Amino acid sequence: MIYKKIEKFFDKYFEIKMFPIVIKILKSVPEGHKILIS
């Protein structure tokens, strides 16, 4: 149960903090474009 709560927290945290960074990384990597499209 505690693990699930931590997982949810990290999901929210990474969505907010990491999403722009992840998009930048994906755009800079050729394979990233395929991931973004799918």
Protein backbone atom coordinates (compact mmCIF):
# COMPACT_ATOMS: atom_id res chain seq x y z
CA MET A 1 0.00 0.00 0.00
CA ILE A 2 2.79 2.42 0.91
CA TYR A 3 4.63 1.52 -2.31
CA LYS A 4 1.53 2.38 -4.35
CA LYS A 5 1.28 5.79 -2.66
CA ILE A 6 4.96 6.49 -3.36
CA GLU A 7 4.51 5.34 -6.96
CA LYS A 8 1.54 7.70 -7.43
CA PHE A 9 3.52 10.58 -5.92
CA PHE A 10 6.46 9.95 -8.24
CA ASP A 11 4.15 9.66 -11.25
CA LYS A 12 2.74 13.11 -10.46
CA TYR A 13 6.18 14.52 -9.69
CA PHE A 14 7.75 13.21 -12.88
CA GLU A 15 4.79 14.36 -14.99
CA ILE A 16 5.19 17.92 -13.72
CA LYS A 17 8.99 18.19 -13.38
CA MET A 18 10.36 15.78 -15.96
CA PHE A 19 7.88 16.00 -18.86
CA PRO A 20 9.52 19.01 -20.61
CA ILE A 21 12.97 17.46 -20.13
CA VAL A 22 11.79 14.09 -21.44
CA ILE A 23 10.29 15.76 -24.53
CA LYS A 24 13.56 17.62 -25.16
CA ILE A 25 15.56 14.40 -24.87
CA LEU A 26 13.15 12.49 -27.13
CA LYS A 27 13.28 15.25 -29.76
CA SER A 28 17.07 15.24 -29.74
CA VAL A 29 17.26 11.46 -30.25
CA PRO A 30 16.29 10.05 -33.69
CA GLU A 31 14.43 7.10 -32.14
CA GLY A 32 12.63 9.54 -29.87
CA HIS A 33 10.51 10.84 -32.75
CA LYS A 34 9.09 7.35 -33.30
CA ILE A 35 8.25 7.08 -29.58
CA LEU A 36 6.52 10.48 -29.60
CA ILE A 37 4.46 9.63 -32.68
CA SER A 38 3.29 6.24 -31.36
